[in-house]
Amino acid sequence: MFRTAASSVSSQILRGPILSRSFHVSLAARKTVTEKVSEVADKVNKKVGKGLASAIETGEKATNVAKEKIGASAEETKHKAQEAGQYAEHKANQATAGAREAKKDVEQELRK
C-alpha cells in the first residue's frame, strides 16, 4: 500500500506539477434552505406590514375627515336650531303683540 502511494507520488513529480482548480463559493451558495426560507418570509412579512401600515394611515385620514365633517355639520345644525328658536320666539312675540292689539281694538269697540 505504501509502495503504491509512493509510486503514484513519484510519477506525479516526474510528470510535473498538478494543476488544481480552486473553488469559488458565494454567500448565496453557503445558505441553507432554512435560511433562504427565513429570508423570504422576512421579506414577505415586511411587505405585508408596510401595506397594512399604509391601510391604517388611510383609515385614520378618512376618520379625521369624517370627524371634521360631522363636527362641522353638528355645529351648523346647532346654529340653525338656534336661529329657528330665535325665529319662533320672534313670531311668538309678534303673535302676542297682535293679540294685545286685537284685545285693545275689541275693548275700544265695546266702549263705543
Protein backbone atom coordinates (compact mmCIF):
# COMPACT_ATOMS: atom_id res chain seq x y z
CA MET A 1 0.00 0.00 0.00
CA PHE A 2 2.77 2.35 0.88
CA ARG A 3 4.56 1.26 -2.26
CA THR A 4 1.62 2.20 -4.50
CA ALA A 5 1.18 5.54 -2.82
CA ALA A 6 4.87 6.31 -3.13
CA SER A 7 4.92 5.30 -6.78
CA SER A 8 1.92 7.46 -7.63
CA VAL A 9 3.52 10.42 -5.88
CA SER A 10 6.82 9.89 -7.64
CA SER A 11 5.09 9.53 -11.02
CA GLN A 12 3.27 12.78 -10.43
CA ILE A 13 6.51 14.51 -9.54
CA LEU A 14 8.05 13.28 -12.77
CA ARG A 15 5.10 14.45 -14.85
CA GLY A 16 5.09 17.91 -13.43
CA PRO A 17 3.00 19.91 -11.02
CA ILE A 18 -0.66 19.07 -10.79
CA LEU A 19 -2.80 22.00 -11.64
CA SER A 20 -5.65 22.27 -9.24
CA ARG A 21 -8.78 24.24 -9.64
CA SER A 22 -9.86 26.42 -6.78
CA PHE A 23 -13.50 26.62 -5.87
CA HIS A 24 -15.24 29.95 -5.60
CA VAL A 25 -18.02 29.88 -3.09
CA SER A 26 -20.51 32.75 -2.96
CA LEU A 27 -22.52 33.70 0.08
CA ALA A 28 -25.74 32.59 -1.61
CA ALA A 29 -24.32 29.12 -2.09
CA ARG A 30 -23.49 28.89 1.60
CA LYS A 31 -27.07 29.49 2.74
CA THR A 32 -29.14 26.59 3.83
CA VAL A 33 -32.73 26.04 2.77
CA THR A 34 -33.91 27.12 6.20
CA GLU A 35 -32.01 30.40 5.93
CA LYS A 36 -33.42 31.07 2.45
CA VAL A 37 -36.97 30.37 3.62
CA SER A 38 -36.40 32.61 6.61
CA GLU A 39 -35.22 35.47 4.39
CA VAL A 40 -38.17 35.11 2.04
CA ALA A 41 -40.60 35.00 4.98
CA ASP A 42 -38.95 38.12 6.43
CA LYS A 43 -39.31 39.99 3.12
CA VAL A 44 -42.96 38.96 2.79
CA ASN A 45 -43.61 39.98 6.39
CA LYS A 46 -42.11 43.42 5.81
CA LYS A 47 -44.10 43.99 2.60
CA VAL A 48 -47.34 42.94 4.27
CA GLY A 49 -46.53 45.16 7.26
CA LYS A 50 -45.92 48.16 5.03
CA GLY A 51 -49.19 47.53 3.21
CA LEU A 52 -51.12 47.27 6.46
CA ALA A 53 -49.46 50.41 7.82
CA SER A 54 -50.48 52.26 4.68
CA ALA A 55 -54.05 51.00 5.03
CA ILE A 56 -54.16 52.08 8.68
CA GLU A 57 -52.89 55.55 7.79
CA THR A 58 -55.52 55.86 5.06
CA GLY A 59 -58.21 54.79 7.53
CA GLU A 60 -57.02 57.34 10.06
CA LYS A 61 -57.14 60.10 7.45
CA ALA A 62 -60.66 59.09 6.44
CA THR A 63 -61.71 59.06 10.09
CA ASN A 64 -60.33 62.55 10.65
CA VAL A 65 -62.10 63.87 7.55
CA ALA A 66 -65.36 62.30 8.71
CA LYS A 67 -64.93 63.77 12.20
CA GLU A 68 -64.34 67.21 10.73
CA LYS A 69 -67.40 66.99 8.51
CA ILE A 70 -69.58 65.62 11.31
CA GLY A 71 -68.27 68.27 13.67
CA ALA A 72 -68.91 70.98 11.10
CA SER A 73 -72.40 69.72 10.35
CA ALA A 74 -73.12 69.37 14.08
CA GLU A 75 -72.07 72.98 14.61
CA GLU A 76 -74.11 74.01 11.59
CA THR A 77 -77.14 72.10 12.88
CA LYS A 78 -76.76 73.70 16.31
CA HIS A 79 -76.52 77.14 14.73
CA LYS A 80 -79.61 76.51 12.57
CA ALA A 81 -81.52 75.24 15.61
CA GLN A 82 -80.64 78.41 17.48
CA GLU A 83 -81.78 80.52 14.53
CA ALA A 84 -85.04 78.56 14.32
CA GLY A 85 -85.57 79.04 18.05
CA GLN A 86 -84.99 82.76 17.74
CA TYR A 87 -87.33 82.95 14.75
CA ALA A 88 -90.02 81.05 16.66
CA GLU A 89 -89.58 83.36 19.64
CA HIS A 90 -89.87 86.38 17.36
CA LYS A 91 -93.05 85.02 15.79
CA ALA A 92 -94.48 84.25 19.23
CA ASN A 93 -93.75 87.83 20.32
CA GLN A 94 -95.42 89.13 17.16
CA ALA A 95 -98.44 86.92 17.80
CA THR A 96 -98.63 88.14 21.40
CA ALA A 97 -98.37 91.75 20.27
CA GLY A 98 -101.05 91.14 17.65
CA ALA A 99 -103.31 89.58 20.26
CA ARG A 100 -102.81 92.59 22.57
CA GLU A 101 -103.68 94.99 19.79
CA ALA A 102 -106.73 92.92 18.88
CA LYS A 103 -107.79 92.95 22.53
CA LYS A 104 -107.39 96.74 22.68
CA ASP A 105 -109.36 97.15 19.47
CA VAL A 106 -112.16 94.95 20.79
CA GLU A 107 -112.23 96.87 24.08
CA GLN A 108 -112.40 100.20 22.22
CA GLU A 109 -115.20 98.94 20.02
CA LEU A 110 -117.13 97.76 23.06
CA ARG A 111 -116.79 101.16 24.78
CA LYS A 112 -118.39 102.99 21.92
